[in-house]
């Protein structure tokens, strides 16, 4: 796991209430930052929807991500979904 992801993982691991707070707080961020944040969220959703590692602790996340991945793919153009090393990402434009 890369260092950036480890930092995020540590935040969510040591501060369980951080997830809800961070999600709400991001709605107040600069629009470009929101766009970048959403790219990361979408990449997580698309990766989790593949169900590479699911057990009782994250089954609800997997099920939710499967449904959200369908919505993402129905919303963005097929040209806006790229795949690298078996992982999908979406393109969201900068304005």
PDB file of N, CA and C in Angstrom:
ATOM      1  N   UNK A   1       0.850  -1.172   0.000  1.00  0.00           N
ATOM      2  CA  UNK A   1       0.000   0.000   0.000  1.00  0.00           C
ATOM      3  C   UNK A   1       0.897   1.237   0.000  1.00  0.00           C
ATOM      4  N   UNK A   2       0.499   2.253  -0.754  1.00  0.00           N
ATOM      5  CA  UNK A   2       1.320   3.458  -0.835  1.00  0.00           C
ATOM      6  C   UNK A   2       1.186   4.279   0.451  1.00  0.00           C
ATOM      7  N   UNK A   3       2.142   5.154   0.662  1.00  0.00           N
ATOM      8  CA  UNK A   3       2.192   5.951   1.884  1.00  0.00           C
ATOM      9  C   UNK A   3       0.940   6.811   2.060  1.00  0.00           C
ATOM     10  N   UNK A   4       0.440   7.389   0.968  1.00  0.00           N
ATOM     11  CA  UNK A   4      -0.778   8.219   1.056  1.00  0.00           C
ATOM     12  C   UNK A   4      -1.950   7.402   1.540  1.00  0.00           C
ATOM     13  N   UNK A   5      -2.117   6.215   0.984  1.00  0.00           N
ATOM     14  CA  UNK A   5      -3.230   5.361   1.386  1.00  0.00           C
ATOM     15  C   UNK A   5      -3.090   4.925   2.839  1.00  0.00           C
ATOM     16  N   UNK A   6      -1.863   4.686   3.271  1.00  0.00           N
ATOM     17  CA  UNK A   6      -1.637   4.305   4.671  1.00  0.00           C
ATOM     18  C   UNK A   6      -2.029   5.429   5.621  1.00  0.00           C
ATOM     19  N   UNK A   7      -1.761   6.663   5.242  1.00  0.00           N
ATOM     20  CA  UNK A   7      -2.156   7.797   6.080  1.00  0.00           C
ATOM     21  C   UNK A   7      -3.676   7.877   6.207  1.00  0.00           C
ATOM     22  N   UNK A   8      -4.371   7.690   5.100  1.00  0.00           N
ATOM     23  CA  UNK A   8      -5.829   7.709   5.131  1.00  0.00           C
ATOM     24  C   UNK A   8      -6.343   6.537   5.962  1.00  0.00           C
ATOM     25  N   UNK A   9      -5.759   5.373   5.754  1.00  0.00           N
ATOM     26  CA  UNK A   9      -6.148   4.184   6.512  1.00  0.00           C
ATOM     27  C   UNK A   9      -5.980   4.431   8.013  1.00  0.00           C
ATOM     28  N   UNK A  10      -4.864   5.017   8.421  1.00  0.00           N
ATOM     29  CA  UNK A  10      -4.629   5.295   9.836  1.00  0.00           C
ATOM     30  C   UNK A  10      -5.655   6.266  10.401  1.00  0.00           C
ATOM     31  N   UNK A  11      -6.029   7.276   9.631  1.00  0.00           N
ATOM     32  CA  UNK A  11      -7.057   8.214  10.093  1.00  0.00           C
ATOM     33  C   UNK A  11      -8.374   7.489  10.362  1.00  0.00           C
ATOM     34  N   UNK A  12      -8.780   6.664   9.430  1.00  0.00           N
ATOM     35  CA  UNK A  12     -10.055   5.961   9.592  1.00  0.00           C
ATOM     36  C   UNK A  12      -9.983   4.893  10.676  1.00  0.00           C
ATOM     37  N   UNK A  13      -8.814   4.346  10.903  1.00  0.00           N
ATOM     38  CA  UNK A  13      -8.651   3.307  11.919  1.00  0.00           C
ATOM     39  C   UNK A  13      -8.620   3.889  13.330  1.00  0.00           C
ATOM     40  N   UNK A  14      -7.976   5.037  13.504  1.00  0.00           N
ATOM     41  CA  UNK A  14      -7.830   5.611  14.838  1.00  0.00           C
ATOM     42  C   UNK A  14      -8.957   6.559  15.217  1.00  0.00           C
ATOM     43  N   UNK A  15      -9.711   7.010  14.243  1.00  0.00           N
ATOM     44  CA  UNK A  15     -10.803   7.953  14.507  1.00  0.00           C
ATOM     45  C   UNK A  15     -12.065   7.477  13.790  1.00  0.00           C
ATOM     46  N   UNK A  16     -12.790   6.500  14.343  1.00  0.00           N
ATOM     47  CA  UNK A  16     -13.950   5.937  13.645  1.00  0.00           C
ATOM     48  C   UNK A  16     -14.996   6.973  13.239  1.00  0.00           C
ATOM     49  N   UNK A  17     -15.189   8.003  14.044  1.00  0.00           N
ATOM     50  CA  UNK A  17     -16.198   9.007  13.684  1.00  0.00           C
ATOM     51  C   UNK A  17     -15.706   9.918  12.562  1.00  0.00           C
ATOM     52  N   UNK A  18     -14.423   9.829  12.251  1.00  0.00           N
ATOM     53  CA  UNK A  18     -13.825  10.661  11.210  1.00  0.00           C
ATOM     54  C   UNK A  18     -14.508  10.464   9.859  1.00  0.00           C
ATOM     55  N   UNK A  19     -14.941   9.262   9.561  1.00  0.00           N
ATOM     56  CA  UNK A  19     -15.516   8.974   8.244  1.00  0.00           C
ATOM     57  C   UNK A  19     -16.721   9.871   7.962  1.00  0.00           C
ATOM     58  N   UNK A  20     -17.665   9.903   8.856  1.00  0.00           N
ATOM     59  CA  UNK A  20     -18.853  10.737   8.639  1.00  0.00           C
ATOM     60  C   UNK A  20     -18.496  12.209   8.620  1.00  0.00           C
ATOM     61  N   UNK A  21     -17.667  12.625   9.553  1.00  0.00           N
ATOM     62  CA  UNK A  21     -17.278  14.029   9.624  1.00  0.00           C
ATOM     63  C   UNK A  21     -16.524  14.461   8.372  1.00  0.00           C
ATOM     64  N   UNK A  22     -15.586  13.653   7.941  1.00  0.00           N
ATOM     65  CA  UNK A  22     -14.791  13.993   6.757  1.00  0.00           C
ATOM     66  C   UNK A  22     -15.675  14.077   5.523  1.00  0.00           C
ATOM     67  N   UNK A  23     -16.589  13.142   5.381  1.00  0.00           N
ATOM     68  CA  UNK A  23     -17.488  13.169   4.232  1.00  0.00           C
ATOM     69  C   UNK A  23     -18.323  14.436   4.193  1.00  0.00           C
ATOM     70  N   UNK A  24     -18.882  14.801   5.347  1.00  0.00           N
ATOM     71  CA  UNK A  24     -19.680  16.036   5.407  1.00  0.00           C
ATOM     72  C   UNK A  24     -18.804  17.265   5.192  1.00  0.00           C
ATOM     73  N   UNK A  25     -17.630  17.280   5.822  1.00  0.00           N
ATOM     74  CA  UNK A  25     -16.752  18.442   5.696  1.00  0.00           C
ATOM     75  C   UNK A  25     -16.288  18.655   4.259  1.00  0.00           C
ATOM     76  N   UNK A  26     -16.103  17.586   3.519  1.00  0.00           N
ATOM     77  CA  UNK A  26     -15.649  17.720   2.130  1.00  0.00           C
ATOM     78  C   UNK A  26     -16.673  18.446   1.269  1.00  0.00           C
ATOM     79  N   UNK A  27     -17.925  18.468   1.693  1.00  0.00           N
ATOM     80  CA  UNK A  27     -18.932  19.190   0.914  1.00  0.00           C
ATOM     81  C   UNK A  27     -18.695  20.698   0.950  1.00  0.00           C
ATOM     82  N   UNK A  28     -17.843  21.149   1.859  1.00  0.00           N
ATOM     83  CA  UNK A  28     -17.505  22.569   1.945  1.00  0.00           C
ATOM     84  C   UNK A  28     -16.189  22.908   1.251  1.00  0.00           C
ATOM     85  N   UNK A  29     -15.546  21.919   0.662  1.00  0.00           N
ATOM     86  CA  UNK A  29     -14.250  22.130   0.020  1.00  0.00           C
ATOM     87  C   UNK A  29     -14.403  22.886  -1.306  1.00  0.00           C
ATOM     88  N   UNK A  30     -13.281  23.349  -1.807  1.00  0.00           N
ATOM     89  CA  UNK A  30     -13.222  24.002  -3.118  1.00  0.00           C
ATOM     90  C   UNK A  30     -13.739  23.013  -4.170  1.00  0.00           C
ATOM     91  N   UNK A  31     -14.486  23.479  -5.178  1.00  0.00           N
ATOM     92  CA  UNK A  31     -15.039  22.574  -6.190  1.00  0.00           C
ATOM     93  C   UNK A  31     -14.018  21.654  -6.861  1.00  0.00           C
ATOM     94  N   UNK A  32     -12.814  22.149  -7.129  1.00  0.00           N
ATOM     95  CA  UNK A  32     -11.800  21.294  -7.752  1.00  0.00           C
ATOM     96  C   UNK A  32     -11.366  20.182  -6.802  1.00  0.00           C
ATOM     97  N   UNK A  33     -11.263  20.508  -5.522  1.00  0.00           N
ATOM     98  CA  UNK A  33     -10.893  19.489  -4.532  1.00  0.00           C
ATOM     99  C   UNK A  33     -12.016  18.451  -4.415  1.00  0.00           C
ATOM    100  N   UNK A  34     -13.255  18.905  -4.450  1.00  0.00           N
ATOM    101  CA  UNK A  34     -14.387  17.963  -4.427  1.00  0.00           C
ATOM    102  C   UNK A  34     -14.307  17.002  -5.610  1.00  0.00           C
ATOM    103  N   UNK A  35     -13.971  17.543  -6.775  1.00  0.00           N
ATOM    104  CA  UNK A  35     -13.872  16.718  -7.979  1.00  0.00           C
ATOM    105  C   UNK A  35     -12.779  15.652  -7.813  1.00  0.00           C
ATOM    106  N   UNK A  36     -11.630  16.045  -7.289  1.00  0.00           N
ATOM    107  CA  UNK A  36     -10.542  15.095  -7.046  1.00  0.00           C
ATOM    108  C   UNK A  36     -10.924  14.076  -5.984  1.00  0.00           C
ATOM    109  N   UNK A  37     -11.560  14.534  -4.928  1.00  0.00           N
ATOM    110  CA  UNK A  37     -12.021  13.633  -3.857  1.00  0.00           C
ATOM    111  C   UNK A  37     -12.979  12.590  -4.440  1.00  0.00           C
ATOM    112  N   UNK A  38     -13.887  13.042  -5.293  1.00  0.00           N
ATOM    113  CA  UNK A  38     -14.858  12.124  -5.893  1.00  0.00           C
ATOM    114  C   UNK A  38     -14.191  11.107  -6.798  1.00  0.00           C
ATOM    115  N   UNK A  39     -13.121  11.494  -7.482  1.00  0.00           N
ATOM    116  CA  UNK A  39     -12.356  10.525  -8.277  1.00  0.00           C
ATOM    117  C   UNK A  39     -11.849   9.400  -7.386  1.00  0.00           C
ATOM    118  N   UNK A  40     -11.324   9.770  -6.227  1.00  0.00           N
ATOM    119  CA  UNK A  40     -10.818   8.767  -5.286  1.00  0.00           C
ATOM    120  C   UNK A  40     -11.929   7.881  -4.753  1.00  0.00           C
ATOM    121  N   UNK A  41     -13.055   8.479  -4.414  1.00  0.00           N
ATOM    122  CA  UNK A  41     -14.198   7.700  -3.919  1.00  0.00           C
ATOM    123  C   UNK A  41     -14.686   6.745  -5.002  1.00  0.00           C
ATOM    124  N   UNK A  42     -14.811   7.237  -6.223  1.00  0.00           N
ATOM    125  CA  UNK A  42     -15.273   6.389  -7.327  1.00  0.00           C
ATOM    126  C   UNK A  42     -14.307   5.238  -7.585  1.00  0.00           C
ATOM    127  N   UNK A  43     -13.003   5.509  -7.518  1.00  0.00           N
ATOM    128  CA  UNK A  43     -12.014   4.444  -7.720  1.00  0.00           C
ATOM    129  C   UNK A  43     -12.151   3.380  -6.632  1.00  0.00           C
ATOM    130  N   UNK A  44     -12.383   3.815  -5.392  1.00  0.00           N
ATOM    131  CA  UNK A  44     -12.603   2.875  -4.293  1.00  0.00           C
ATOM    132  C   UNK A  44     -13.847   2.031  -4.564  1.00  0.00           C
ATOM    133  N   UNK A  45     -14.934   2.674  -4.957  1.00  0.00           N
ATOM    134  CA  UNK A  45     -16.186   1.967  -5.211  1.00  0.00           C
ATOM    135  C   UNK A  45     -16.000   0.931  -6.319  1.00  0.00           C
ATOM    136  N   UNK A  46     -15.379   1.343  -7.415  1.00  0.00           N
ATOM    137  CA  UNK A  46     -15.186   0.419  -8.537  1.00  0.00           C
ATOM    138  C   UNK A  46     -14.288  -0.758  -8.150  1.00  0.00           C
ATOM    139  N   UNK A  47     -13.270  -0.499  -7.338  1.00  0.00           N
ATOM    140  CA  UNK A  47     -12.369  -1.575  -6.899  1.00  0.00           C
ATOM    141  C   UNK A  47     -13.088  -2.522  -5.943  1.00  0.00           C
ATOM    142  N   UNK A  48     -13.813  -1.980  -4.995  1.00  0.00           N
ATOM    143  CA  UNK A  48     -14.518  -2.823  -4.017  1.00  0.00           C
ATOM    144  C   UNK A  48     -15.624  -3.647  -4.669  1.00  0.00           C
ATOM    145  N   UNK A  49     -16.226  -3.109  -5.719  1.00  0.00           N
ATOM    146  CA  UNK A  49     -17.312  -3.812  -6.407  1.00  0.00           C
ATOM    147  C   UNK A  49     -16.838  -5.105  -7.056  1.00  0.00           C
ATOM    148  N   UNK A  50     -15.550  -5.230  -7.275  1.00  0.00           N
ATOM    149  CA  UNK A  50     -15.002  -6.456  -7.862  1.00  0.00           C
ATOM    150  C   UNK A  50     -14.986  -7.608  -6.861  1.00  0.00           C
ATOM    151  N   UNK A  51     -15.135  -7.303  -5.572  1.00  0.00           N
ATOM    152  CA  UNK A  51     -15.228  -8.336  -4.553  1.00  0.00           C
ATOM    153  C   UNK A  51     -13.981  -9.178  -4.400  1.00  0.00           C
ATOM    154  N   UNK A  52     -12.826  -8.571  -4.510  1.00  0.00           N
ATOM    155  CA  UNK A  52     -11.573  -9.327  -4.417  1.00  0.00           C
ATOM    156  C   UNK A  52     -11.348  -9.925  -3.032  1.00  0.00           C
ATOM    157  N   UNK A  53     -11.785  -9.236  -2.003  1.00  0.00           N
ATOM    158  CA  UNK A  53     -11.652  -9.771  -0.654  1.00  0.00           C
ATOM    159  C   UNK A  53     -12.869  -9.332   0.149  1.00  0.00           C
ATOM    160  N   UNK A  54     -13.771 -10.268   0.379  1.00  0.00           N
ATOM    161  CA  UNK A  54     -15.001  -9.972   1.105  1.00  0.00           C
ATOM    162  C   UNK A  54     -15.153 -10.981   2.233  1.00  0.00           C
ATOM    163  N   UNK A  55     -15.422 -10.472   3.420  1.00  0.00           N
ATOM    164  CA  UNK A  55     -15.800 -11.335   4.533  1.00  0.00           C
ATOM    165  C   UNK A  55     -16.909 -10.615   5.301  1.00  0.00           C
ATOM    166  N   UNK A  56     -17.278 -11.126   6.452  1.00  0.00           N
ATOM    167  CA  UNK A  56     -18.393 -10.548   7.200  1.00  0.00           C
ATOM    168  C   UNK A  56     -18.165  -9.089   7.591  1.00  0.00           C
ATOM    169  N   UNK A  57     -16.900  -8.693   7.745  1.00  0.00           N
ATOM    170  CA  UNK A  57     -16.606  -7.323   8.175  1.00  0.00           C
ATOM    171  C   UNK A  57     -16.862  -6.290   7.091  1.00  0.00           C
ATOM    172  N   UNK A  58     -16.775  -6.674   5.837  1.00  0.00           N
ATOM    173  CA  UNK A  58     -16.962  -5.687   4.767  1.00  0.00           C
ATOM    174  C   UNK A  58     -17.980  -6.120   3.719  1.00  0.00           C
ATOM    175  N   UNK A  59     -18.805  -7.099   4.045  1.00  0.00           N
ATOM    176  CA  UNK A  59     -19.805  -7.562   3.084  1.00  0.00           C
ATOM    177  C   UNK A  59     -20.789  -6.454   2.708  1.00  0.00           C
ATOM    178  N   UNK A  60     -21.199  -5.651   3.690  1.00  0.00           N
ATOM    179  CA  UNK A  60     -22.128  -4.555   3.396  1.00  0.00           C
ATOM    180  C   UNK A  60     -21.488  -3.532   2.453  1.00  0.00           C
ATOM    181  N   UNK A  61     -20.201  -3.263   2.645  1.00  0.00           N
ATOM    182  CA  UNK A  61     -19.484  -2.342   1.756  1.00  0.00           C
ATOM    183  C   UNK A  61     -19.442  -2.906   0.346  1.00  0.00           C
ATOM    184  N   UNK A  62     -19.133  -4.182   0.234  1.00  0.00           N
ATOM    185  CA  UNK A  62     -19.078  -4.827  -1.079  1.00  0.00           C
ATOM    186  C   UNK A  62     -20.435  -4.716  -1.791  1.00  0.00           C
ATOM    187  N   UNK A  63     -21.509  -5.045  -1.090  1.00  0.00           N
ATOM    188  CA  UNK A  63     -22.851  -4.998  -1.703  1.00  0.00           C
ATOM    189  C   UNK A  63     -23.208  -3.575  -2.129  1.00  0.00           C
ATOM    190  N   UNK A  64     -22.919  -2.612  -1.264  1.00  0.00           N
ATOM    191  CA  UNK A  64     -23.203  -1.219  -1.609  1.00  0.00           C
ATOM    192  C   UNK A  64     -22.371  -0.778  -2.804  1.00  0.00           C
ATOM    193  N   UNK A  65     -21.094  -1.130  -2.808  1.00  0.00           N
ATOM    194  CA  UNK A  65     -20.216  -0.736  -3.911  1.00  0.00           C
ATOM    195  C   UNK A  65     -20.638  -1.376  -5.228  1.00  0.00           C
ATOM    196  N   UNK A  66     -21.136  -2.604  -5.184  1.00  0.00           N
ATOM    197  CA  UNK A  66     -21.626  -3.239  -6.413  1.00  0.00           C
ATOM    198  C   UNK A  66     -22.742  -2.412  -7.028  1.00  0.00           C
ATOM    199  N   UNK A  67     -23.667  -1.951  -6.199  1.00  0.00           N
ATOM    200  CA  UNK A  67     -24.780  -1.138  -6.705  1.00  0.00           C
ATOM    201  C   UNK A  67     -24.308   0.242  -7.148  1.00  0.00           C
ATOM    202  N   UNK A  68     -23.429   0.847  -6.366  1.00  0.00           N
ATOM    203  CA  UNK A  68     -22.919   2.173  -6.734  1.00  0.00           C
ATOM    204  C   UNK A  68     -22.090   2.115  -8.007  1.00  0.00           C
ATOM    205  N   UNK A  69     -21.349   1.035  -8.211  1.00  0.00           N
ATOM    206  CA  UNK A  69     -20.556   0.885  -9.436  1.00  0.00           C
ATOM    207  C   UNK A  69     -21.475   0.859 -10.657  1.00  0.00           C
ATOM    208  N   UNK A  70     -22.614   0.202 -10.522  1.00  0.00           N
ATOM    209  CA  UNK A  70     -23.589   0.196 -11.630  1.00  0.00           C
ATOM    210  C   UNK A  70     -24.048   1.622 -11.932  1.00  0.00           C
ATOM    211  N   UNK A  71     -24.329   2.383 -10.882  1.00  0.00           N
ATOM    212  CA  UNK A  71     -24.781   3.768 -11.069  1.00  0.00           C
ATOM    213  C   UNK A  71     -23.685   4.621 -11.689  1.00  0.00           C
ATOM    214  N   UNK A  72     -22.448   4.431 -11.250  1.00  0.00           N
ATOM    215  CA  UNK A  72     -21.325   5.196 -11.822  1.00  0.00           C
ATOM    216  C   UNK A  72     -21.217   4.889 -13.310  1.00  0.00           C
ATOM    217  N   UNK A  73     -21.237   3.611 -13.644  1.00  0.00           N
ATOM    218  CA  UNK A  73     -21.076   3.224 -15.053  1.00  0.00           C
ATOM    219  C   UNK A  73     -22.247   3.680 -15.908  1.00  0.00           C
ATOM    220  N   UNK A  74     -23.425   3.816 -15.309  1.00  0.00           N
ATOM    221  CA  UNK A  74     -24.586   4.298 -16.045  1.00  0.00           C
ATOM    222  C   UNK A  74     -24.563   5.814 -16.205  1.00  0.00           C
ATOM    223  N   UNK A  75     -23.797   6.490 -15.366  1.00  0.00           N
ATOM    224  CA  UNK A  75     -23.776   7.944 -15.348  1.00  0.00           C
ATOM    225  C   UNK A  75     -22.682   8.535 -16.214  1.00  0.00           C
ATOM    226  N   UNK A  76     -21.502   7.928 -16.193  1.00  0.00           N
ATOM    227  CA  UNK A  76     -20.388   8.486 -16.965  1.00  0.00           C
ATOM    228  C   UNK A  76     -20.281   7.790 -18.318  1.00  0.00           C
ATOM    229  N   UNK A  77     -19.678   8.479 -19.254  1.00  0.00           N
ATOM    230  CA  UNK A  77     -19.450   7.913 -20.578  1.00  0.00           C
ATOM    231  C   UNK A  77     -18.485   6.738 -20.480  1.00  0.00           C
ATOM    232  N   UNK A  78     -18.672   5.761 -21.349  1.00  0.00           N
ATOM    233  CA  UNK A  78     -17.755   4.616 -21.386  1.00  0.00           C
ATOM    234  C   UNK A  78     -16.318   5.071 -21.629  1.00  0.00           C
ATOM    235  N   UNK A  79     -16.158   6.160 -22.383  1.00  0.00           N
ATOM    236  CA  UNK A  79     -14.830   6.710 -22.654  1.00  0.00           C
ATOM    237  C   UNK A  79     -14.190   7.305 -21.408  1.00  0.00           C
ATOM    238  N   UNK A  80     -15.005   7.610 -20.397  1.00  0.00           N
ATOM    239  CA  UNK A  80     -14.494   8.218 -19.173  1.00  0.00           C
ATOM    240  C   UNK A  80     -14.085   7.195 -18.118  1.00  0.00           C
ATOM    241  N   UNK A  81     -14.187   5.911 -18.448  1.00  0.00           N
ATOM    242  CA  UNK A  81     -13.742   4.851 -17.551  1.00  0.00           C
ATOM    243  C   UNK A  81     -12.477   4.246 -18.136  1.00  0.00           C
ATOM    244  N   UNK A  82     -11.411   4.280 -17.348  1.00  0.00           N
ATOM    245  CA  UNK A  82     -10.150   3.707 -17.794  1.00  0.00           C
ATOM    246  C   UNK A  82      -9.768   2.565 -16.853  1.00  0.00           C
ATOM    247  N   UNK A  83      -8.960   1.660 -17.357  1.00  0.00           N
ATOM    248  CA  UNK A  83      -8.510   0.540 -16.541  1.00  0.00           C
ATOM    249  C   UNK A  83      -6.989   0.445 -16.612  1.00  0.00           C
ATOM    250  N   UNK A  84      -6.389   0.343 -15.439  1.00  0.00           N
ATOM    251  CA  UNK A  84      -4.943   0.173 -15.321  1.00  0.00           C
ATOM    252  C   UNK A  84      -4.685  -0.930 -14.310  1.00  0.00           C
ATOM    253  N   UNK A  85      -3.943  -1.928 -14.715  1.00  0.00           N
ATOM    254  CA  UNK A  85      -3.595  -3.045 -13.823  1.00  0.00           C
ATOM    255  C   UNK A  85      -4.827  -3.677 -13.179  1.00  0.00           C
ATOM    256  N   UNK A  86      -5.911  -3.783 -13.937  1.00  0.00           N
ATOM    257  CA  UNK A  86      -7.123  -4.416 -13.431  1.00  0.00           C
ATOM    258  C   UNK A  86      -7.978  -3.536 -12.544  1.00  0.00           C
ATOM    259  N   UNK A  87      -7.608  -2.263 -12.402  1.00  0.00           N
ATOM    260  CA  UNK A  87      -8.373  -1.325 -11.583  1.00  0.00           C
ATOM    261  C   UNK A  87      -8.977  -0.240 -12.467  1.00  0.00           C
ATOM    262  N   UNK A  88     -10.249   0.030 -12.233  1.00  0.00           N
ATOM    263  CA  UNK A  88     -10.941   1.041 -13.008  1.00  0.00           C
ATOM    264  C   UNK A  88     -10.887   2.398 -12.298  1.00  0.00           C
ATOM    265  N   UNK A  89     -10.869   3.443 -13.107  1.00  0.00           N
ATOM    266  CA  UNK A  89     -10.943   4.816 -12.633  1.00  0.00           C
ATOM    267  C   UNK A  89     -11.886   5.555 -13.551  1.00  0.00           C
ATOM    268  N   UNK A  90     -12.405   6.673 -13.057  1.00  0.00           N
ATOM    269  CA  UNK A  90     -13.250   7.495 -13.920  1.00  0.00           C
ATOM    270  C   UNK A  90     -12.613   8.853 -14.122  1.00  0.00           C
ATOM    271  N   UNK A  91     -12.940   9.452 -15.247  1.00  0.00           N
ATOM    272  CA  UNK A  91     -12.499  10.795 -15.550  1.00  0.00           C
ATOM    273  C   UNK A  91     -13.628  11.747 -15.167  1.00  0.00           C
ATOM    274  N   UNK A  92     -13.298  12.731 -14.378  1.00  0.00           N
ATOM    275  CA  UNK A  92     -14.211  13.833 -14.089  1.00  0.00           C
ATOM    276  C   UNK A  92     -13.482  15.099 -14.528  1.00  0.00           C
ATOM    277  N   UNK A  93     -14.125  15.933 -15.331  1.00  0.00           N
ATOM    278  CA  UNK A  93     -13.407  17.059 -15.940  1.00  0.00           C
ATOM    279  C   UNK A  93     -13.034  18.157 -14.953  1.00  0.00           C
ATOM    280  N   UNK A  94     -11.953  18.843 -15.290  1.00  0.00           N
ATOM    281  CA  UNK A  94     -11.592  20.091 -14.624  1.00  0.00           C
ATOM    282  C   UNK A  94     -12.150  21.214 -15.471  1.00  0.00           C
ATOM    283  N   UNK A  95     -12.622  22.216 -14.849  1.00  0.00           N
ATOM    284  CA  UNK A  95     -13.162  23.371 -15.590  1.00  0.00           C
ATOM    285  C   UNK A  95     -12.342  24.593 -15.255  1.00  0.00           C
TER     286      UNK A  95
END
